[in-house]
Protein backbone atom coordinates (compact mmCIF):
# COMPACT_ATOMS: atom_id res chain seq x y z
CA UNK A 1 0.21 -0.09 -0.42
CA UNK A 2 1.52 3.32 -1.07
CA UNK A 3 1.52 6.34 0.90
CA UNK A 4 -1.19 7.77 -1.04
CA UNK A 5 -3.40 5.10 -0.39
CA UNK A 6 -2.48 5.23 3.50
CA UNK A 7 -3.65 8.59 3.61
CA UNK A 8 -6.77 8.29 1.20
CA UNK A 9 -7.56 5.44 4.00
CA UNK A 10 -7.40 7.49 6.54
CA UNK A 11 -9.18 10.48 5.40
CA UNK A 12 -12.09 7.79 4.87
CA UNK A 13 -12.33 5.98 7.88
CA UNK A 14 -11.51 9.72 10.08
CA UNK A 15 -14.80 10.99 7.87
CA UNK A 16 -16.75 7.89 8.93
CA UNK A 17 -15.64 7.89 12.26
CA UNK A 18 -16.74 12.16 12.64
CA UNK A 19 -20.16 11.35 11.15
CA UNK A 20 -20.98 8.39 12.98
CA UNK A 21 -19.67 10.29 16.42
CA UNK A 22 -21.84 12.91 15.68
CA UNK A 23 -24.93 11.32 15.10
CA UNK A 24 -24.86 9.09 17.93
CA UNK A 25 -23.64 12.27 20.27
CA UNK A 26 -27.15 13.65 18.74
CA UNK A 27 -29.54 10.43 19.07
CA UNK A 28 -27.78 10.21 22.70
CA UNK A 29 -28.78 13.62 23.72
CA UNK A 30 -32.09 13.71 22.89
CA UNK A 31 -32.53 10.01 24.34
CA UNK A 32 -31.24 11.54 27.41
CA UNK A 33 -33.37 14.48 27.38
CA UNK A 34 -36.56 12.72 26.31
CA UNK A 35 -36.49 9.60 27.76
CA UNK A 36 -36.94 11.33 31.10
CA UNK A 37 -40.44 12.36 30.35
CA UNK A 38 -41.45 9.18 28.66
CA UNK A 39 -44.66 8.23 29.80
CA UNK A 40 -48.43 7.84 29.37
CA UNK A 41 -48.51 11.88 30.98
CA UNK A 42 -46.30 12.67 27.99
CA UNK A 43 -48.72 11.57 25.86
CA UNK A 44 -51.87 12.14 27.26
CA UNK A 45 -51.31 14.72 30.07
CA UNK A 46 -54.29 14.59 32.84
CA UNK A 47 -56.62 12.75 30.24
CA UNK A 48 -57.59 9.04 30.70
CA UNK A 49 -55.44 6.82 28.25
CA UNK A 50 -57.94 4.85 26.40
CA UNK A 51 -60.45 7.72 26.31
CA UNK A 52 -57.53 9.95 24.74
CA UNK A 53 -56.53 7.07 22.01
CA UNK A 54 -60.17 7.02 20.80
CA UNK A 55 -60.69 10.46 20.80
CA UNK A 56 -63.58 10.43 23.54
CA UNK A 57 -61.29 13.21 25.73
CA UNK A 58 -59.40 15.84 24.04
CA UNK A 59 -55.84 16.02 25.17
CA UNK A 60 -54.66 19.34 25.80
CA UNK A 61 -51.26 18.55 27.44
CA UNK A 62 -50.00 15.89 25.42
CA UNK A 63 -48.57 14.66 21.87
CA UNK A 64 -50.66 12.28 21.05
CA UNK A 65 -52.69 14.24 18.79
CA UNK A 66 -49.48 15.22 17.13
CA UNK A 67 -48.10 11.81 16.40
CA UNK A 68 -51.32 10.75 14.93
CA UNK A 69 -51.58 13.54 12.70
CA UNK A 70 -48.20 13.16 11.86
CA UNK A 71 -48.49 9.77 10.89
CA UNK A 72 -51.44 10.40 8.81
CA UNK A 73 -49.98 13.36 7.08
CA UNK A 74 -47.01 11.26 6.62
CA UNK A 75 -48.83 8.10 4.94
CA UNK A 76 -51.29 10.47 2.78
CA UNK A 77 -48.32 12.02 1.30
CA UNK A 78 -46.60 8.87 0.45
CA UNK A 79 -50.10 7.63 -1.25
CA UNK A 80 -50.31 10.85 -3.40
CA UNK A 81 -46.72 10.59 -4.43
CA UNK A 82 -45.65 7.40 -4.76
CA UNK A 83 -47.60 6.47 -7.87
CA UNK A 84 -46.40 9.79 -9.70
CA UNK A 85 -43.18 9.05 -8.92
CA UNK A 86 -43.22 5.58 -9.85
CA UNK A 87 -44.70 6.32 -13.29
CA UNK A 88 -42.30 9.00 -13.54
CA UNK A 89 -39.67 7.33 -13.17
CA UNK A 90 -40.03 4.54 -15.18
CA UNK A 91 -40.87 6.92 -17.77
CA UNK A 92 -37.72 8.20 -17.83
CA UNK A 93 -35.72 4.98 -17.34
CA UNK A 94 -37.35 3.31 -20.49
CA UNK A 95 -39.58 4.89 -22.62
CA UNK A 96 -38.19 8.78 -22.07
CA UNK A 97 -35.41 9.88 -25.18
CA UNK A 98 -33.30 12.58 -26.36
CA UNK A 99 -34.62 15.82 -25.87
CA UNK A 100 -38.02 15.10 -23.48
CA UNK A 101 -35.66 13.10 -21.18
CA UNK A 102 -33.46 16.09 -21.01
CA UNK A 103 -36.35 18.08 -20.15
CA UNK A 104 -37.75 16.14 -17.74
CA UNK A 105 -35.09 15.31 -15.89
CA UNK A 106 -34.52 19.67 -15.73
CA UNK A 107 -37.65 19.60 -14.04
CA UNK A 108 -37.42 16.94 -11.53
CA UNK A 109 -34.14 18.32 -10.47
CA UNK A 110 -35.43 21.75 -10.32
CA UNK A 111 -38.51 20.51 -7.99
CA UNK A 112 -35.50 18.73 -6.25
CA UNK A 113 -34.46 22.08 -5.11
CA UNK A 114 -37.37 23.92 -4.35
CA UNK A 115 -37.15 25.02 -0.73
CA UNK A 116 -40.18 23.71 1.40
CA UNK A 117 -40.89 27.24 2.54
CA UNK A 118 -41.70 28.39 -1.27
CA UNK A 119 -43.91 25.01 -1.38
CA UNK A 120 -45.67 26.21 1.74
CA UNK A 121 -46.18 29.19 0.19
CA UNK A 122 -47.49 27.82 -3.04
CA UNK A 123 -49.87 25.84 -1.16
CA UNK A 124 -51.15 29.32 1.05
CA UNK A 125 -51.53 30.92 -2.58
CA UNK A 126 -53.40 28.16 -3.88
CA UNK A 127 -55.81 28.63 -0.93
CA UNK A 128 -56.14 32.31 -2.08
CA UNK A 129 -56.83 31.92 -5.60
CA UNK A 130 -59.42 28.86 -4.60
CA UNK A 131 -61.28 31.59 -2.14
CA UNK A 132 -60.95 34.10 -4.68
CA UNK A 133 -62.74 31.79 -7.55
CA UNK A 134 -64.28 28.80 -7.57
CA UNK A 135 -64.73 27.88 -3.71
CA UNK A 136 -64.95 30.74 -1.93
CA UNK A 137 -64.59 28.70 1.82
CA UNK A 138 -61.76 26.83 0.75
CA UNK A 139 -59.29 26.94 3.89
CA UNK A 140 -55.91 25.43 4.85
CA UNK A 141 -56.29 21.34 5.80
CA UNK A 142 -54.85 18.09 6.02
CA UNK A 143 -55.19 17.16 2.41
CA UNK A 144 -53.79 20.55 1.24
CA UNK A 145 -50.52 19.64 3.81
CA UNK A 146 -50.29 16.48 1.99
CA UNK A 147 -50.83 17.20 -0.96
CA UNK A 148 -47.55 20.04 -0.45
CA UNK A 149 -45.71 17.12 0.88
CA UNK A 150 -46.36 15.04 -1.68
CA UNK A 151 -45.03 17.62 -4.44
CA UNK A 152 -42.25 18.02 -2.17
CA UNK A 153 -40.87 14.06 -1.86
CA UNK A 154 -42.21 13.09 -5.26
CA UNK A 155 -38.42 14.05 -6.83
CA UNK A 156 -36.79 11.18 -4.21
CA UNK A 157 -39.05 8.70 -5.58
CA UNK A 158 -38.61 9.53 -9.29
CA UNK A 159 -34.98 9.77 -8.84
CA UNK A 160 -34.79 6.48 -7.11
CA UNK A 161 -37.44 4.34 -9.20
CA UNK A 162 -35.32 5.81 -12.24
CA UNK A 163 -31.84 4.86 -10.78
CA UNK A 164 -32.74 1.26 -9.75
CA UNK A 165 -34.54 0.87 -13.10
CA UNK A 166 -31.65 1.84 -14.94
CA UNK A 167 -29.00 -0.12 -13.00
CA UNK A 168 -31.05 -3.09 -14.11
CA UNK A 169 -28.58 -4.68 -16.69
CA UNK A 170 -29.92 -4.56 -20.27
CA UNK A 171 -30.04 -8.43 -21.01
CA UNK A 172 -32.46 -8.55 -18.10
CA UNK A 173 -34.94 -6.05 -18.79
CA UNK A 174 -35.15 -7.34 -22.35
CA UNK A 175 -35.93 -10.78 -21.16
CA UNK A 176 -39.83 -10.09 -20.90
CA UNK A 177 -40.01 -8.63 -24.40
CA UNK A 178 -37.88 -11.41 -25.61
CA UNK A 179 -40.72 -14.21 -24.24
CA UNK A 180 -43.66 -12.11 -25.52
CA UNK A 181 -44.64 -10.10 -22.59
CA UNK A 182 -45.95 -6.50 -23.28
CA UNK A 183 -44.70 -3.38 -22.28
CA UNK A 184 -47.29 -3.43 -18.88
CA UNK A 185 -46.59 -6.85 -17.71
CA UNK A 186 -42.87 -6.80 -18.30
CA UNK A 187 -42.66 -3.39 -15.86
CA UNK A 188 -45.26 -5.23 -13.57
CA UNK A 189 -43.60 -8.56 -13.33
CA UNK A 190 -39.83 -8.26 -14.53
CA UNK A 191 -38.45 -4.93 -13.88
CA UNK A 192 -40.14 -3.31 -10.48
CA UNK A 193 -39.52 -6.74 -8.86
CA UNK A 194 -35.62 -6.30 -9.56
CA UNK A 195 -35.83 -2.94 -8.62
CA UNK A 196 -37.86 -2.79 -5.59
CA UNK A 197 -35.22 -2.72 -3.44
CA UNK A 198 -33.99 0.76 -4.74
CA UNK A 199 -37.14 1.95 -4.86
CA UNK A 200 -38.35 1.16 -1.15
CA UNK A 201 -34.94 2.98 -0.37
CA UNK A 202 -35.73 6.13 -2.51
CA UNK A 203 -39.65 6.10 -0.54
CA UNK A 204 -37.97 5.43 2.92
CA UNK A 205 -35.85 8.98 2.02
CA UNK A 206 -39.43 10.38 0.99
CA UNK A 207 -40.88 9.19 4.18
CA UNK A 208 -38.65 10.38 6.58
CA UNK A 209 -38.33 13.77 4.77
CA UNK A 210 -42.13 13.98 4.92
CA UNK A 211 -42.21 13.40 8.66
CA UNK A 212 -39.68 16.30 9.72
CA UNK A 213 -40.71 18.97 7.46
CA UNK A 214 -42.07 22.49 9.15
CA UNK A 215 -42.03 24.56 6.87
CA UNK A 216 -44.44 23.36 4.16
CA UNK A 217 -47.32 22.07 7.32
CA UNK A 218 -46.68 25.76 8.89
CA UNK A 219 -48.27 27.42 5.95
CA UNK A 220 -50.90 24.49 4.91
CA UNK A 221 -53.11 23.56 8.05
CA UNK A 222 -51.23 22.93 11.09
CA UNK A 223 -52.57 24.10 14.42
CA UNK A 224 -51.51 24.08 17.85
CA UNK A 225 -54.21 21.71 20.46
CA UNK A 226 -56.37 20.94 17.02
CA UNK A 227 -56.79 17.48 18.61
CA UNK A 228 -57.07 14.40 16.52
CA UNK A 229 -57.65 15.12 13.21
CA UNK A 230 -61.13 15.02 12.19
CA UNK A 231 -61.04 14.53 8.30
CA UNK A 232 -58.51 15.31 5.90
CA UNK A 233 -60.26 19.12 5.11
CA UNK A 234 -59.88 19.79 9.00
CA UNK A 235 -56.66 21.26 10.72
CA UNK A 236 -54.47 18.66 12.29
CA UNK A 237 -51.58 18.84 14.64
CA UNK A 238 -48.00 17.65 13.85
CA UNK A 239 -44.94 16.87 16.00
CA UNK A 240 -42.50 19.16 13.79
CA UNK A 241 -44.85 21.81 14.80
CA UNK A 242 -44.90 20.93 18.05
CA UNK A 243 -41.32 20.70 18.84
CA UNK A 244 -40.74 24.16 16.92
CA UNK A 245 -43.32 25.28 19.08
CA UNK A 246 -42.46 24.42 22.42
CA UNK A 247 -38.97 25.18 21.28
CA UNK A 248 -39.86 28.39 20.99
CA UNK A 249 -42.47 29.37 23.16
CA UNK A 250 -41.65 27.44 26.46
CA UNK A 251 -42.51 29.07 29.72
CA UNK A 252 -41.03 26.72 32.28
CA UNK A 253 -38.63 23.72 31.99
CA UNK A 254 -41.27 20.98 31.91
CA UNK A 255 -42.29 22.07 28.61
CA UNK A 256 -39.11 21.93 26.95
CA UNK A 257 -38.34 18.69 28.53
CA UNK A 258 -41.88 17.80 26.60
CA UNK A 259 -40.12 18.96 23.35
CA UNK A 260 -37.09 16.66 24.02
CA UNK A 261 -39.78 14.02 24.16
CA UNK A 262 -41.41 14.98 21.10
CA UNK A 263 -38.23 14.45 19.46
CA UNK A 264 -38.05 11.25 20.66
CA UNK A 265 -40.82 10.37 19.61
CA UNK A 266 -40.65 11.54 15.86
CA UNK A 267 -37.31 9.85 15.57
CA UNK A 268 -39.42 6.67 17.11
CA UNK A 269 -41.76 6.92 14.75
CA UNK A 270 -39.70 7.21 11.50
CA UNK A 271 -37.86 4.50 12.59
CA UNK A 272 -41.03 2.35 12.57
CA UNK A 273 -42.20 3.65 9.58
CA UNK A 274 -38.68 2.75 8.00
CA UNK A 275 -39.08 -0.75 9.56
CA UNK A 276 -42.73 -1.08 8.47
CA UNK A 277 -41.10 -0.55 4.80
CA UNK A 278 -38.76 -2.88 5.28
CA UNK A 279 -41.33 -5.37 5.93
CA UNK A 280 -43.45 -4.26 3.27
CA UNK A 281 -40.29 -4.62 0.83
CA UNK A 282 -39.92 -8.21 1.90
CA UNK A 283 -43.40 -9.32 1.62
CA UNK A 284 -43.10 -8.15 -2.07
CA UNK A 285 -40.21 -9.77 -2.98
CA UNK A 286 -41.21 -13.07 -1.59
CA UNK A 287 -44.72 -12.86 -3.91
CA UNK A 288 -42.75 -12.09 -6.50
CA UNK A 289 -40.19 -14.07 -6.51
């Protein structure tokens, strides 16, 4: 091993060690601060557990409505973005050629670079437009936040699908047509099963992006103490906004500790979504193969 190789080896290990140390330190700090307040009181406050879970009793001092709102919001955004992301990614990887592919790629890259606050302003402006034209009673709501978040995470799914399909060797992509399969059959039974691991990786990144965003929901429907979501056209609570609100407006040390507890719960909720995505991926692979 030459001197340059040793230097590169040392720098690579150093970067990996520093990154791991910073991440572990951050997670440890949040777990230390938030773990002290973990318990039923963090979720439900003074309300009884089961009536609060079922929505019979409002929760004023706990984060249970924010947990439910975050989960519903992430699932709504992912379900809206996934079909369009898969379709666009397959189009770019298989069908698009020349200038059409270059133009679509430019649009996707531009969308990926759009700040989340701009997406929130877009949703807010859309509500103002609807009020003045077709729907006078239009207001910010869970559906609007889900649509804006779906547009925000769409590039992640598109690029993940495109890269996963393009990584399949051309000989394997042509197996289906050589056996007489139609384009649709080739995509469903040959290409998507082979690219499922890469696509699920992009979906996981998109879910994490949707779960942590605050700027979009701040302008599109999140409300403090809104309670459990009553429908897609109503207000909602979310953990990112709860953390932001408690960190900026806390009036006692206990409220700040509640914010750390909300941070920890957001990490746990995101991890559970990741585990669920991996479980779904294995089920899909076992079904297809």
